């Protein structure tokens, strides 16, 4: 199928893009286009125009600072996978990027586009939440910063206003004693996840961040599991599964037995991977 008729704009600067959205709130930003273009072709959505952000220089930066790395929203999955930008995660982000869809998709898809779409089965929202990431958001009147758990509201829903753009992500650099685990269950290579588990021990005595994703709603921090692991770092086996199952069930009470077991196994394996690192 072909998309409905629409206009196409490619602004030269971020200021031009923000102004275009201010004047035309029905226009839709596009970056890599790996999700929006299929939706346009299927006519699931039909905006009056799209505004291409992919080549804006302000969104294509990646800078390592004191204790953080700032990664522009238009950096592609492939650039993260290939190590072409600084890695604050000690290998976690390249690992996650390499498991997204197919290489052709990773060459064009962007980290900012994936977060802004807020597909509940997408990889980056769960990963970035586990890494305690904040997003820098620019609009017509001001800039603001939001943690991932506040930015992602639900399926295809974020706290972004219609005229706002995610410009970059600020990710704390993991310490030398940091550990992480990542597990994703998908029916086949390239498919969206059926379940995601992410576990990060940031180091320097900070408590672990355990994230459960692809639950049909949005990724969530498993605070009870994190607290249990802080008290008992050696928690494992049946005791760990019981804690994980109880909290996951509170977020996905309608899950059938098979789905619940998949979710518990995914999170448990992420924790086990981190514990063994």
C-alpha atoms as a PDB file:
ATOM      1  CA  UNK A   1       0.000   0.000   0.000  1.00  0.00           C
ATOM      2  CA  UNK A   2       0.956   3.630  -0.325  1.00  0.00           C
ATOM      3  CA  UNK A   3       0.658   6.367   2.283  1.00  0.00           C
ATOM      4  CA  UNK A   4      -2.065   9.007   2.022  1.00  0.00           C
ATOM      5  CA  UNK A   5      -1.055  12.329   0.462  1.00  0.00           C
ATOM      6  CA  UNK A   6       1.017  14.420   2.850  1.00  0.00           C
ATOM      7  CA  UNK A   7       3.579  17.213   2.868  1.00  0.00           C
ATOM      8  CA  UNK A   8       7.212  16.700   3.757  1.00  0.00           C
ATOM      9  CA  UNK A   9       9.563  19.162   5.420  1.00  0.00           C
ATOM     10  CA  UNK A  10      13.280  18.903   6.236  1.00  0.00           C
ATOM     11  CA  UNK A  11      14.284  21.785   8.530  1.00  0.00           C
ATOM     12  CA  UNK A  12      17.913  22.891   8.665  1.00  0.00           C
ATOM     13  CA  UNK A  13      18.095  23.500  12.420  1.00  0.00           C
ATOM     14  CA  UNK A  14      16.400  22.385  15.615  1.00  0.00           C
ATOM     15  CA  UNK A  15      14.938  25.893  16.038  1.00  0.00           C
ATOM     16  CA  UNK A  16      13.342  25.606  12.594  1.00  0.00           C
ATOM     17  CA  UNK A  17      11.855  22.217  13.501  1.00  0.00           C
ATOM     18  CA  UNK A  18      10.398  23.491  16.775  1.00  0.00           C
ATOM     19  CA  UNK A  19       8.935  26.529  15.022  1.00  0.00           C
ATOM     20  CA  UNK A  20       7.397  24.343  12.306  1.00  0.00           C
ATOM     21  CA  UNK A  21       5.703  22.214  14.972  1.00  0.00           C
ATOM     22  CA  UNK A  22       4.532  25.322  16.818  1.00  0.00           C
ATOM     23  CA  UNK A  23       2.878  26.679  13.698  1.00  0.00           C
ATOM     24  CA  UNK A  24       1.529  23.291  12.600  1.00  0.00           C
ATOM     25  CA  UNK A  25       0.594  21.176  15.631  1.00  0.00           C
ATOM     26  CA  UNK A  26      -0.967  18.538  13.361  1.00  0.00           C
ATOM     27  CA  UNK A  27       2.408  17.805  11.743  1.00  0.00           C
ATOM     28  CA  UNK A  28       4.340  14.753  12.932  1.00  0.00           C
ATOM     29  CA  UNK A  29       8.111  14.547  13.523  1.00  0.00           C
ATOM     30  CA  UNK A  30       9.913  11.666  11.842  1.00  0.00           C
ATOM     31  CA  UNK A  31      13.456  10.468  12.446  1.00  0.00           C
ATOM     32  CA  UNK A  32      14.515   7.041  11.198  1.00  0.00           C
ATOM     33  CA  UNK A  33      11.009   6.304   9.977  1.00  0.00           C
ATOM     34  CA  UNK A  34      11.260   2.574  10.640  1.00  0.00           C
ATOM     35  CA  UNK A  35       7.967   2.573  12.556  1.00  0.00           C
ATOM     36  CA  UNK A  36       6.129   5.585  11.157  1.00  0.00           C
ATOM     37  CA  UNK A  37       6.602   4.747   7.467  1.00  0.00           C
ATOM     38  CA  UNK A  38       4.948   1.290   7.737  1.00  0.00           C
ATOM     39  CA  UNK A  39       2.111   2.880   9.714  1.00  0.00           C
ATOM     40  CA  UNK A  40       1.679   5.467   6.961  1.00  0.00           C
ATOM     41  CA  UNK A  41       1.735   2.782   4.280  1.00  0.00           C
ATOM     42  CA  UNK A  42      -0.950   0.812   6.113  1.00  0.00           C
ATOM     43  CA  UNK A  43      -2.865   4.061   6.681  1.00  0.00           C
ATOM     44  CA  UNK A  44      -2.994   3.447  10.391  1.00  0.00           C
ATOM     45  CA  UNK A  45      -2.115   7.121  10.712  1.00  0.00           C
ATOM     46  CA  UNK A  46      -2.358  10.006   8.268  1.00  0.00           C
ATOM     47  CA  UNK A  47      -0.828  13.300   9.360  1.00  0.00           C
ATOM     48  CA  UNK A  48      -1.047  16.353   7.138  1.00  0.00           C
ATOM     49  CA  UNK A  49       2.759  16.494   7.001  1.00  0.00           C
ATOM     50  CA  UNK A  50       5.911  14.977   8.429  1.00  0.00           C
ATOM     51  CA  UNK A  51       8.931  16.943   9.625  1.00  0.00           C
ATOM     52  CA  UNK A  52      12.200  15.058   9.166  1.00  0.00           C
ATOM     53  CA  UNK A  53      14.542  15.396  12.154  1.00  0.00           C
ATOM     54  CA  UNK A  54      17.090  12.763  11.158  1.00  0.00           C
ATOM     55  CA  UNK A  55      19.815  15.103   9.912  1.00  0.00           C
ATOM     56  CA  UNK A  56      19.519  17.915  12.423  1.00  0.00           C
ATOM     57  CA  UNK A  57      23.066  18.498  13.703  1.00  0.00           C
ATOM     58  CA  UNK A  58      21.812  19.238  17.228  1.00  0.00           C
ATOM     59  CA  UNK A  59      20.356  15.702  17.403  1.00  0.00           C
ATOM     60  CA  UNK A  60      23.446  13.957  15.978  1.00  0.00           C
ATOM     61  CA  UNK A  61      25.922  14.588  18.788  1.00  0.00           C
ATOM     62  CA  UNK A  62      27.355  12.146  21.329  1.00  0.00           C
ATOM     63  CA  UNK A  63      29.525  13.581  24.087  1.00  0.00           C
ATOM     64  CA  UNK A  64      31.156  11.991  27.124  1.00  0.00           C
ATOM     65  CA  UNK A  65      31.228  14.263  30.156  1.00  0.00           C
ATOM     66  CA  UNK A  66      32.005  14.025  33.854  1.00  0.00           C
ATOM     67  CA  UNK A  67      30.055  10.959  34.932  1.00  0.00           C
ATOM     68  CA  UNK A  68      27.560  10.985  32.046  1.00  0.00           C
ATOM     69  CA  UNK A  69      27.272  10.498  28.307  1.00  0.00           C
ATOM     70  CA  UNK A  70      24.852  12.597  26.274  1.00  0.00           C
ATOM     71  CA  UNK A  71      23.597  10.796  23.177  1.00  0.00           C
ATOM     72  CA  UNK A  72      21.640  12.696  20.542  1.00  0.00           C
ATOM     73  CA  UNK A  73      18.146  11.489  19.756  1.00  0.00           C
ATOM     74  CA  UNK A  74      18.968  10.972  16.056  1.00  0.00           C
ATOM     75  CA  UNK A  75      21.845   8.570  16.716  1.00  0.00           C
ATOM     76  CA  UNK A  76      20.983   5.272  15.041  1.00  0.00           C
ATOM     77  CA  UNK A  77      20.811   1.825  16.581  1.00  0.00           C
ATOM     78  CA  UNK A  78      23.658   0.738  14.284  1.00  0.00           C
ATOM     79  CA  UNK A  79      25.931   3.553  15.464  1.00  0.00           C
ATOM     80  CA  UNK A  80      25.451   2.417  19.056  1.00  0.00           C
ATOM     81  CA  UNK A  81      25.886  -1.235  18.083  1.00  0.00           C
ATOM     82  CA  UNK A  82      29.132  -0.484  16.222  1.00  0.00           C
ATOM     83  CA  UNK A  83      30.649   1.597  19.028  1.00  0.00           C
ATOM     84  CA  UNK A  84      30.667   4.807  17.028  1.00  0.00           C
ATOM     85  CA  UNK A  85      29.451   6.778  20.043  1.00  0.00           C
ATOM     86  CA  UNK A  86      30.732   6.766  23.646  1.00  0.00           C
ATOM     87  CA  UNK A  87      29.249   3.928  25.692  1.00  0.00           C
ATOM     88  CA  UNK A  88      28.277   4.748  29.291  1.00  0.00           C
ATOM     89  CA  UNK A  89      26.877   1.263  29.892  1.00  0.00           C
ATOM     90  CA  UNK A  90      29.948  -0.985  29.785  1.00  0.00           C
ATOM     91  CA  UNK A  91      28.564  -2.905  26.818  1.00  0.00           C
ATOM     92  CA  UNK A  92      24.868  -3.037  27.643  1.00  0.00           C
ATOM     93  CA  UNK A  93      23.690  -0.507  25.058  1.00  0.00           C
ATOM     94  CA  UNK A  94      25.624  -2.071  22.133  1.00  0.00           C
ATOM     95  CA  UNK A  95      24.188  -5.449  23.165  1.00  0.00           C
ATOM     96  CA  UNK A  96      20.651  -4.071  23.198  1.00  0.00           C
ATOM     97  CA  UNK A  97      21.122  -2.256  19.878  1.00  0.00           C
ATOM     98  CA  UNK A  98      22.401  -5.400  18.164  1.00  0.00           C
ATOM     99  CA  UNK A  99      19.189  -7.243  19.047  1.00  0.00           C
ATOM    100  CA  UNK A 100      16.800  -4.695  17.530  1.00  0.00           C
ATOM    101  CA  UNK A 101      15.039  -5.904  14.380  1.00  0.00           C
ATOM    102  CA  UNK A 102      17.426  -6.342  11.420  1.00  0.00           C
ATOM    103  CA  UNK A 103      20.565  -4.521  10.329  1.00  0.00           C
ATOM    104  CA  UNK A 104      18.700  -2.624   7.601  1.00  0.00           C
ATOM    105  CA  UNK A 105      16.337  -1.279  10.259  1.00  0.00           C
ATOM    106  CA  UNK A 106      19.175  -0.502  12.674  1.00  0.00           C
ATOM    107  CA  UNK A 107      20.933   1.552   9.987  1.00  0.00           C
ATOM    108  CA  UNK A 108      18.040   4.040   9.935  1.00  0.00           C
ATOM    109  CA  UNK A 109      16.114   3.643  13.186  1.00  0.00           C
ATOM    110  CA  UNK A 110      17.054   6.094  15.947  1.00  0.00           C
ATOM    111  CA  UNK A 111      17.130   5.891  19.711  1.00  0.00           C
ATOM    112  CA  UNK A 112      14.987   9.030  20.046  1.00  0.00           C
ATOM    113  CA  UNK A 113      12.389   7.803  17.590  1.00  0.00           C
ATOM    114  CA  UNK A 114      12.062   4.505  19.441  1.00  0.00           C
ATOM    115  CA  UNK A 115      11.486   6.270  22.761  1.00  0.00           C
ATOM    116  CA  UNK A 116       9.089   8.867  21.349  1.00  0.00           C
ATOM    117  CA  UNK A 117       6.954   6.158  19.730  1.00  0.00           C
ATOM    118  CA  UNK A 118       6.718   4.359  23.095  1.00  0.00           C
ATOM    119  CA  UNK A 119       5.883   0.933  21.743  1.00  0.00           C
ATOM    120  CA  UNK A 120       5.461  -1.179  24.902  1.00  0.00           C
ATOM    121  CA  UNK A 121       7.536  -3.990  23.351  1.00  0.00           C
ATOM    122  CA  UNK A 122      10.444  -1.778  22.238  1.00  0.00           C
ATOM    123  CA  UNK A 123      13.931  -2.314  23.631  1.00  0.00           C
ATOM    124  CA  UNK A 124      15.261   1.192  24.311  1.00  0.00           C
ATOM    125  CA  UNK A 125      12.673   2.417  26.844  1.00  0.00           C
ATOM    126  CA  UNK A 126      13.355  -0.562  29.133  1.00  0.00           C
ATOM    127  CA  UNK A 127      17.124  -0.361  28.691  1.00  0.00           C
ATOM    128  CA  UNK A 128      17.313   3.383  29.286  1.00  0.00           C
ATOM    129  CA  UNK A 129      15.047   3.133  32.324  1.00  0.00           C
ATOM    130  CA  UNK A 130      17.371   0.524  33.832  1.00  0.00           C
ATOM    131  CA  UNK A 131      20.295   2.888  33.201  1.00  0.00           C
ATOM    132  CA  UNK A 132      18.580   5.767  35.064  1.00  0.00           C
ATOM    133  CA  UNK A 133      18.467   7.879  31.905  1.00  0.00           C
ATOM    134  CA  UNK A 134      16.954  11.313  31.587  1.00  0.00           C
ATOM    135  CA  UNK A 135      15.735  12.859  28.327  1.00  0.00           C
ATOM    136  CA  UNK A 136      16.266  16.479  27.318  1.00  0.00           C
ATOM    137  CA  UNK A 137      13.102  17.856  25.711  1.00  0.00           C
ATOM    138  CA  UNK A 138      12.862  21.097  23.739  1.00  0.00           C
ATOM    139  CA  UNK A 139       9.669  23.001  22.948  1.00  0.00           C
ATOM    140  CA  UNK A 140       8.697  26.458  21.717  1.00  0.00           C
ATOM    141  CA  UNK A 141       8.937  28.061  25.147  1.00  0.00           C
ATOM    142  CA  UNK A 142      11.518  26.126  27.139  1.00  0.00           C
ATOM    143  CA  UNK A 143      13.660  23.087  27.730  1.00  0.00           C
ATOM    144  CA  UNK A 144      12.980  20.449  30.331  1.00  0.00           C
ATOM    145  CA  UNK A 145      14.465  17.200  31.538  1.00  0.00           C
ATOM    146  CA  UNK A 146      12.527  14.046  32.422  1.00  0.00           C
ATOM    147  CA  UNK A 147      13.463  10.663  33.779  1.00  0.00           C
ATOM    148  CA  UNK A 148      12.421   7.750  31.564  1.00  0.00           C
ATOM    149  CA  UNK A 149       9.884   6.437  34.066  1.00  0.00           C
ATOM    150  CA  UNK A 150       8.086   9.801  33.949  1.00  0.00           C
ATOM    151  CA  UNK A 151       8.375  10.223  30.181  1.00  0.00           C
ATOM    152  CA  UNK A 152       6.861   6.874  29.158  1.00  0.00           C
ATOM    153  CA  UNK A 153       3.184   6.870  30.113  1.00  0.00           C
ATOM    154  CA  UNK A 154       1.770   3.859  28.293  1.00  0.00           C
ATOM    155  CA  UNK A 155       1.324   2.201  24.901  1.00  0.00           C
ATOM    156  CA  UNK A 156       2.280   4.837  22.274  1.00  0.00           C
ATOM    157  CA  UNK A 157       1.840   7.541  24.902  1.00  0.00           C
ATOM    158  CA  UNK A 158       4.486   9.831  26.380  1.00  0.00           C
ATOM    159  CA  UNK A 159       4.558  13.031  28.408  1.00  0.00           C
ATOM    160  CA  UNK A 160       5.704  14.959  25.314  1.00  0.00           C
ATOM    161  CA  UNK A 161       3.552  17.884  24.299  1.00  0.00           C
ATOM    162  CA  UNK A 162       2.580  18.006  20.582  1.00  0.00           C
ATOM    163  CA  UNK A 163       5.189  20.691  19.840  1.00  0.00           C
ATOM    164  CA  UNK A 164       8.069  19.122  21.808  1.00  0.00           C
ATOM    165  CA  UNK A 165      11.070  17.175  20.549  1.00  0.00           C
ATOM    166  CA  UNK A 166      13.440  14.848  22.403  1.00  0.00           C
ATOM    167  CA  UNK A 167      16.910  16.159  21.607  1.00  0.00           C
ATOM    168  CA  UNK A 168      19.210  13.898  23.618  1.00  0.00           C
ATOM    169  CA  UNK A 169      19.537  11.389  26.423  1.00  0.00           C
ATOM    170  CA  UNK A 170      21.799  11.844  29.423  1.00  0.00           C
ATOM    171  CA  UNK A 171      22.995   8.488  30.727  1.00  0.00           C
ATOM    172  CA  UNK A 172      25.051   8.080  33.910  1.00  0.00           C
ATOM    173  CA  UNK A 173      28.337   6.297  33.275  1.00  0.00           C
ATOM    174  CA  UNK A 174      28.487   2.935  35.002  1.00  0.00           C
ATOM    175  CA  UNK A 175      31.371   2.480  37.416  1.00  0.00           C
ATOM    176  CA  UNK A 176      34.097  -0.157  37.058  1.00  0.00           C
ATOM    177  CA  UNK A 177      32.296  -2.434  39.504  1.00  0.00           C
ATOM    178  CA  UNK A 178      28.937  -2.094  37.727  1.00  0.00           C
ATOM    179  CA  UNK A 179      27.119  -5.176  36.473  1.00  0.00           C
ATOM    180  CA  UNK A 180      24.210  -5.608  34.100  1.00  0.00           C
ATOM    181  CA  UNK A 181      21.956  -8.248  32.600  1.00  0.00           C
ATOM    182  CA  UNK A 182      19.634  -8.108  29.597  1.00  0.00           C
ATOM    183  CA  UNK A 183      17.172 -10.730  28.420  1.00  0.00           C
ATOM    184  CA  UNK A 184      14.600 -10.449  25.653  1.00  0.00           C
ATOM    185  CA  UNK A 185      12.110 -13.098  24.595  1.00  0.00           C
ATOM    186  CA  UNK A 186      10.892 -12.803  20.996  1.00  0.00           C
ATOM    187  CA  UNK A 187       9.178 -15.299  18.728  1.00  0.00           C
ATOM    188  CA  UNK A 188      11.794 -14.855  16.011  1.00  0.00           C
ATOM    189  CA  UNK A 189      14.786 -12.738  15.076  1.00  0.00           C
ATOM    190  CA  UNK A 190      13.732  -9.180  14.345  1.00  0.00           C
ATOM    191  CA  UNK A 191      10.362  -9.436  16.085  1.00  0.00           C
ATOM    192  CA  UNK A 192       9.207  -7.183  18.877  1.00  0.00           C
ATOM    193  CA  UNK A 193       9.705  -8.655  22.325  1.00  0.00           C
ATOM    194  CA  UNK A 194       7.160 -10.749  24.167  1.00  0.00           C
ATOM    195  CA  UNK A 195       9.043 -10.094  27.399  1.00  0.00           C
ATOM    196  CA  UNK A 196      12.034  -8.021  28.490  1.00  0.00           C
ATOM    197  CA  UNK A 197      14.125  -8.138  31.628  1.00  0.00           C
ATOM    198  CA  UNK A 198      16.862  -5.626  32.460  1.00  0.00           C
ATOM    199  CA  UNK A 199      19.013  -5.573  35.579  1.00  0.00           C
ATOM    200  CA  UNK A 200      21.677  -2.963  36.369  1.00  0.00           C
ATOM    201  CA  UNK A 201      23.879  -2.679  39.441  1.00  0.00           C
ATOM    202  CA  UNK A 202      25.338   0.822  38.886  1.00  0.00           C
ATOM    203  CA  UNK A 203      28.240   0.310  41.263  1.00  0.00           C
ATOM    204  CA  UNK A 204      29.556   2.463  44.115  1.00  0.00           C
ATOM    205  CA  UNK A 205      27.038   0.860  46.458  1.00  0.00           C
ATOM    206  CA  UNK A 206      23.985   2.131  44.552  1.00  0.00           C
ATOM    207  CA  UNK A 207      20.917  -0.147  44.649  1.00  0.00           C
ATOM    208  CA  UNK A 208      20.081  -2.245  41.602  1.00  0.00           C
ATOM    209  CA  UNK A 209      17.546  -1.125  39.028  1.00  0.00           C
ATOM    210  CA  UNK A 210      15.382  -3.991  37.775  1.00  0.00           C
ATOM    211  CA  UNK A 211      13.053  -3.309  34.842  1.00  0.00           C
ATOM    212  CA  UNK A 212      10.268  -5.441  33.418  1.00  0.00           C
ATOM    213  CA  UNK A 213       9.239  -4.590  29.863  1.00  0.00           C
ATOM    214  CA  UNK A 214       7.013  -5.759  27.001  1.00  0.00           C
ATOM    215  CA  UNK A 215       4.127  -6.316  29.387  1.00  0.00           C
ATOM    216  CA  UNK A 216       1.514  -4.754  27.118  1.00  0.00           C
ATOM    217  CA  UNK A 217       1.602  -1.392  28.879  1.00  0.00           C
ATOM    218  CA  UNK A 218       5.042   0.154  29.445  1.00  0.00           C
ATOM    219  CA  UNK A 219       8.343  -0.792  31.077  1.00  0.00           C
ATOM    220  CA  UNK A 220       8.272  -0.547  34.846  1.00  0.00           C
ATOM    221  CA  UNK A 221      10.815  -0.512  37.639  1.00  0.00           C
ATOM    222  CA  UNK A 222      10.419  -3.526  39.910  1.00  0.00           C
ATOM    223  CA  UNK A 223      11.086  -1.654  43.129  1.00  0.00           C
ATOM    224  CA  UNK A 224      10.174  -4.539  45.436  1.00  0.00           C
ATOM    225  CA  UNK A 225      12.594  -6.836  43.623  1.00  0.00           C
ATOM    226  CA  UNK A 226      15.300  -4.156  43.795  1.00  0.00           C
ATOM    227  CA  UNK A 227      14.743  -3.735  47.530  1.00  0.00           C
ATOM    228  CA  UNK A 228      14.891  -7.487  48.110  1.00  0.00           C
ATOM    229  CA  UNK A 229      18.168  -7.742  46.188  1.00  0.00           C
ATOM    230  CA  UNK A 230      19.613  -4.793  48.116  1.00  0.00           C
ATOM    231  CA  UNK A 231      18.899  -6.580  51.381  1.00  0.00           C
ATOM    232  CA  UNK A 232      20.011  -9.974  50.107  1.00  0.00           C
ATOM    233  CA  UNK A 233      22.399  -9.770  47.133  1.00  0.00           C
ATOM    234  CA  UNK A 234      22.593 -13.582  47.077  1.00  0.00           C
ATOM    235  CA  UNK A 235      18.831 -13.966  46.576  1.00  0.00           C
ATOM    236  CA  UNK A 236      18.316 -16.648  43.922  1.00  0.00           C
ATOM    237  CA  UNK A 237      16.341 -19.695  42.892  1.00  0.00           C
ATOM    238  CA  UNK A 238      12.822 -20.230  44.138  1.00  0.00           C
ATOM    239  CA  UNK A 239      13.011 -17.317  46.579  1.00  0.00           C
ATOM    240  CA  UNK A 240      13.970 -14.876  43.825  1.00  0.00           C
ATOM    241  CA  UNK A 241      11.274 -16.225  41.497  1.00  0.00           C
ATOM    242  CA  UNK A 242       8.631 -15.774  44.181  1.00  0.00           C
ATOM    243  CA  UNK A 243       9.548 -12.110  44.707  1.00  0.00           C
ATOM    244  CA  UNK A 244       9.679 -11.443  40.962  1.00  0.00           C
ATOM    245  CA  UNK A 245       6.387 -13.228  40.311  1.00  0.00           C
ATOM    246  CA  UNK A 246       4.540 -11.325  43.025  1.00  0.00           C
ATOM    247  CA  UNK A 247       5.558  -7.909  41.706  1.00  0.00           C
ATOM    248  CA  UNK A 248       5.108  -8.782  38.027  1.00  0.00           C
ATOM    249  CA  UNK A 249       1.631 -10.113  38.764  1.00  0.00           C
ATOM    250  CA  UNK A 250       0.736  -6.747  40.313  1.00  0.00           C
ATOM    251  CA  UNK A 251       1.612  -5.013  37.025  1.00  0.00           C
ATOM    252  CA  UNK A 252       0.083  -7.631  34.726  1.00  0.00           C
ATOM    253  CA  UNK A 253      -2.725  -9.270  36.716  1.00  0.00           C
ATOM    254  CA  UNK A 254      -4.410 -10.564  33.561  1.00  0.00           C
ATOM    255  CA  UNK A 255      -1.428 -12.599  32.422  1.00  0.00           C
ATOM    256  CA  UNK A 256      -2.134 -16.282  31.863  1.00  0.00           C
ATOM    257  CA  UNK A 257       0.127 -18.933  33.362  1.00  0.00           C
ATOM    258  CA  UNK A 258       2.367 -19.211  30.295  1.00  0.00           C
ATOM    259  CA  UNK A 259       2.838 -15.474  29.926  1.00  0.00           C
ATOM    260  CA  UNK A 260       3.523 -15.008  33.625  1.00  0.00           C
ATOM    261  CA  UNK A 261       6.150 -17.762  33.572  1.00  0.00           C
ATOM    262  CA  UNK A 262       7.818 -16.141  30.551  1.00  0.00           C
ATOM    263  CA  UNK A 263       7.940 -12.766  32.273  1.00  0.00           C
ATOM    264  CA  UNK A 264       9.353 -14.218  35.488  1.00  0.00           C
ATOM    265  CA  UNK A 265      11.982 -16.251  33.614  1.00  0.00           C
ATOM    266  CA  UNK A 266      13.079 -13.241  31.539  1.00  0.00           C
ATOM    267  CA  UNK A 267      13.576 -11.001  34.577  1.00  0.00           C
ATOM    268  CA  UNK A 268      15.204 -13.788  36.619  1.00  0.00           C
ATOM    269  CA  UNK A 269      17.693 -14.524  33.835  1.00  0.00           C
ATOM    270  CA  UNK A 270      18.622 -10.862  33.535  1.00  0.00           C
ATOM    271  CA  UNK A 271      19.288 -10.748  37.284  1.00  0.00           C
ATOM    272  CA  UNK A 272      21.273 -13.989  37.131  1.00  0.00           C
ATOM    273  CA  UNK A 273      23.367 -12.663  34.242  1.00  0.00           C
ATOM    274  CA  UNK A 274      24.162  -9.502  36.193  1.00  0.00           C
ATOM    275  CA  UNK A 275      24.948 -11.467  39.342  1.00  0.00           C
ATOM    276  CA  UNK A 276      27.384 -13.703  37.471  1.00  0.00           C
ATOM    277  CA  UNK A 277      29.222 -10.810  35.782  1.00  0.00           C
END
